[in-house]
Amino acid sequence: MSLVKGLKTQAKETIETLGKPTIETDTPAETVVEAPAIDVKKEDPIVNLVAKVPLSHRNHWVGEARKEGKTLTAVVSELLARRYGTPGN
């Protein structure tokens, strides 16, 4: 079996086992809780916010957030709300 085929097979088995791809950290993916960092009104739609960062930085930040049981989305939302506030505050 070629190296590439072996890696593809291993990746497929991992994805099937976990249900979705994740970055390996010390904290299992099942313990990560998606919790909104800020109050969001139901009529206010959720949109994407994009920031281009080096892959190594993102991987480090994702790992650190997971150690705390948070998602990177929750951490970034919390930091932006703390620094700039939210509408009406």
C-alpha atoms as a PDB file:
ATOM      1  CA  MET A   1       0.000   0.000   0.000  1.00  0.00           C
ATOM      2  CA  SER A   2       1.377   3.397  -0.908  1.00  0.00           C
ATOM      3  CA  LEU A   3       1.987   5.974   1.794  1.00  0.00           C
ATOM      4  CA  VAL A   4      -0.620   8.356   0.363  1.00  0.00           C
ATOM      5  CA  LYS A   5      -3.262   5.624   0.129  1.00  0.00           C
ATOM      6  CA  GLY A   6      -2.492   4.549   3.689  1.00  0.00           C
ATOM      7  CA  LEU A   7      -2.832   8.097   4.974  1.00  0.00           C
ATOM      8  CA  LYS A   8      -6.114   8.570   3.105  1.00  0.00           C
ATOM      9  CA  THR A   9      -7.460   5.350   4.596  1.00  0.00           C
ATOM     10  CA  GLN A  10      -6.357   6.360   8.089  1.00  0.00           C
ATOM     11  CA  ALA A  11      -7.910   9.828   7.702  1.00  0.00           C
ATOM     12  CA  LYS A  12     -11.190   8.331   6.471  1.00  0.00           C
ATOM     13  CA  GLU A  13     -11.341   5.924   9.429  1.00  0.00           C
ATOM     14  CA  THR A  14     -10.580   8.753  11.860  1.00  0.00           C
ATOM     15  CA  ILE A  15     -13.288  10.985  10.389  1.00  0.00           C
ATOM     16  CA  GLU A  16     -15.819   8.149  10.525  1.00  0.00           C
ATOM     17  CA  THR A  17     -14.875   7.425  14.145  1.00  0.00           C
ATOM     18  CA  LEU A  18     -15.093  11.029  15.315  1.00  0.00           C
ATOM     19  CA  GLY A  19     -17.965  12.094  13.123  1.00  0.00           C
ATOM     20  CA  LYS A  20     -16.035  15.104  11.844  1.00  0.00           C
ATOM     21  CA  PRO A  21     -12.418  16.190  11.430  1.00  0.00           C
ATOM     22  CA  THR A  22     -10.776  17.775  14.470  1.00  0.00           C
ATOM     23  CA  ILE A  23      -7.359  19.040  15.404  1.00  0.00           C
ATOM     24  CA  GLU A  24      -5.689  16.741  17.912  1.00  0.00           C
ATOM     25  CA  THR A  25      -5.283  18.241  21.384  1.00  0.00           C
ATOM     26  CA  ASP A  26      -5.011  16.942  24.914  1.00  0.00           C
ATOM     27  CA  THR A  27      -8.732  17.624  25.390  1.00  0.00           C
ATOM     28  CA  PRO A  28     -11.121  15.233  23.613  1.00  0.00           C
ATOM     29  CA  ALA A  29     -13.459  16.937  21.125  1.00  0.00           C
ATOM     30  CA  GLU A  30     -16.483  15.663  23.062  1.00  0.00           C
ATOM     31  CA  THR A  31     -15.658  17.952  26.005  1.00  0.00           C
ATOM     32  CA  VAL A  32     -15.687  21.142  23.907  1.00  0.00           C
ATOM     33  CA  VAL A  33     -18.879  23.041  24.595  1.00  0.00           C
ATOM     34  CA  GLU A  34     -20.208  25.583  22.114  1.00  0.00           C
ATOM     35  CA  ALA A  35     -21.458  28.414  24.287  1.00  0.00           C
ATOM     36  CA  PRO A  36     -22.232  31.890  23.019  1.00  0.00           C
ATOM     37  CA  ALA A  37     -19.813  34.366  24.541  1.00  0.00           C
ATOM     38  CA  ILE A  38     -22.274  37.232  24.110  1.00  0.00           C
ATOM     39  CA  ASP A  39     -26.046  37.661  24.175  1.00  0.00           C
ATOM     40  CA  VAL A  40     -27.538  37.473  20.688  1.00  0.00           C
ATOM     41  CA  LYS A  41     -31.084  38.521  19.868  1.00  0.00           C
ATOM     42  CA  LYS A  42     -33.122  36.008  17.879  1.00  0.00           C
ATOM     43  CA  GLU A  43     -33.831  38.517  15.097  1.00  0.00           C
ATOM     44  CA  ASP A  44     -30.109  39.311  14.724  1.00  0.00           C
ATOM     45  CA  PRO A  45     -28.685  36.795  12.203  1.00  0.00           C
ATOM     46  CA  ILE A  46     -25.335  35.108  12.811  1.00  0.00           C
ATOM     47  CA  VAL A  47     -22.758  35.934  10.103  1.00  0.00           C
ATOM     48  CA  ASN A  48     -19.169  34.935   9.347  1.00  0.00           C
ATOM     49  CA  LEU A  49     -16.204  37.051  10.409  1.00  0.00           C
ATOM     50  CA  VAL A  50     -12.957  36.250   8.609  1.00  0.00           C
ATOM     51  CA  ALA A  51      -9.393  37.017   9.634  1.00  0.00           C
ATOM     52  CA  LYS A  52      -6.394  35.648   7.758  1.00  0.00           C
ATOM     53  CA  VAL A  53      -3.779  34.353  10.197  1.00  0.00           C
ATOM     54  CA  PRO A  54      -0.849  31.924   9.901  1.00  0.00           C
ATOM     55  CA  LEU A  55      -1.979  28.291  10.114  1.00  0.00           C
ATOM     56  CA  SER A  56       0.430  27.579  12.973  1.00  0.00           C
ATOM     57  CA  HIS A  57      -1.109  30.432  15.008  1.00  0.00           C
ATOM     58  CA  ARG A  58      -4.657  29.223  14.369  1.00  0.00           C
ATOM     59  CA  ASN A  59      -3.768  25.655  15.340  1.00  0.00           C
ATOM     60  CA  HIS A  60      -2.140  26.899  18.553  1.00  0.00           C
ATOM     61  CA  TRP A  61      -5.127  29.105  19.435  1.00  0.00           C
ATOM     62  CA  VAL A  62      -7.641  26.331  18.710  1.00  0.00           C
ATOM     63  CA  GLY A  63      -5.695  23.989  20.972  1.00  0.00           C
ATOM     64  CA  GLU A  64      -5.512  26.532  23.785  1.00  0.00           C
ATOM     65  CA  ALA A  65      -9.238  27.298  23.499  1.00  0.00           C
ATOM     66  CA  ARG A  66     -10.070  23.583  23.631  1.00  0.00           C
ATOM     67  CA  LYS A  67      -7.988  23.169  26.780  1.00  0.00           C
ATOM     68  CA  GLU A  68     -10.399  25.683  28.342  1.00  0.00           C
ATOM     69  CA  GLY A  69     -13.414  23.845  26.904  1.00  0.00           C
ATOM     70  CA  LYS A  70     -14.226  26.703  24.520  1.00  0.00           C
ATOM     71  CA  THR A  71     -14.350  27.207  20.785  1.00  0.00           C
ATOM     72  CA  LEU A  72     -12.257  29.794  18.993  1.00  0.00           C
ATOM     73  CA  THR A  73     -15.502  31.489  17.922  1.00  0.00           C
ATOM     74  CA  ALA A  74     -16.560  31.921  21.552  1.00  0.00           C
ATOM     75  CA  VAL A  75     -13.133  33.267  22.553  1.00  0.00           C
ATOM     76  CA  VAL A  76     -12.948  35.789  19.683  1.00  0.00           C
ATOM     77  CA  SER A  77     -16.542  36.934  20.285  1.00  0.00           C
ATOM     78  CA  GLU A  78     -15.824  37.414  23.990  1.00  0.00           C
ATOM     79  CA  LEU A  79     -12.652  39.414  23.320  1.00  0.00           C
ATOM     80  CA  LEU A  80     -14.317  41.671  20.726  1.00  0.00           C
ATOM     81  CA  ALA A  81     -17.300  42.291  22.998  1.00  0.00           C
ATOM     82  CA  ARG A  82     -15.010  43.105  25.933  1.00  0.00           C
ATOM     83  CA  ARG A  83     -12.881  45.492  23.891  1.00  0.00           C
ATOM     84  CA  TYR A  84     -15.547  47.213  21.767  1.00  0.00           C
ATOM     85  CA  GLY A  85     -18.771  46.407  23.557  1.00  0.00           C
ATOM     86  CA  THR A  86     -21.995  45.319  21.902  1.00  0.00           C
ATOM     87  CA  PRO A  87     -24.819  47.354  20.366  1.00  0.00           C
ATOM     88  CA  GLY A  88     -26.803  49.143  23.054  1.00  0.00           C
ATOM     89  CA  ASN A  89     -24.040  48.808  25.686  1.00  0.00           C
END
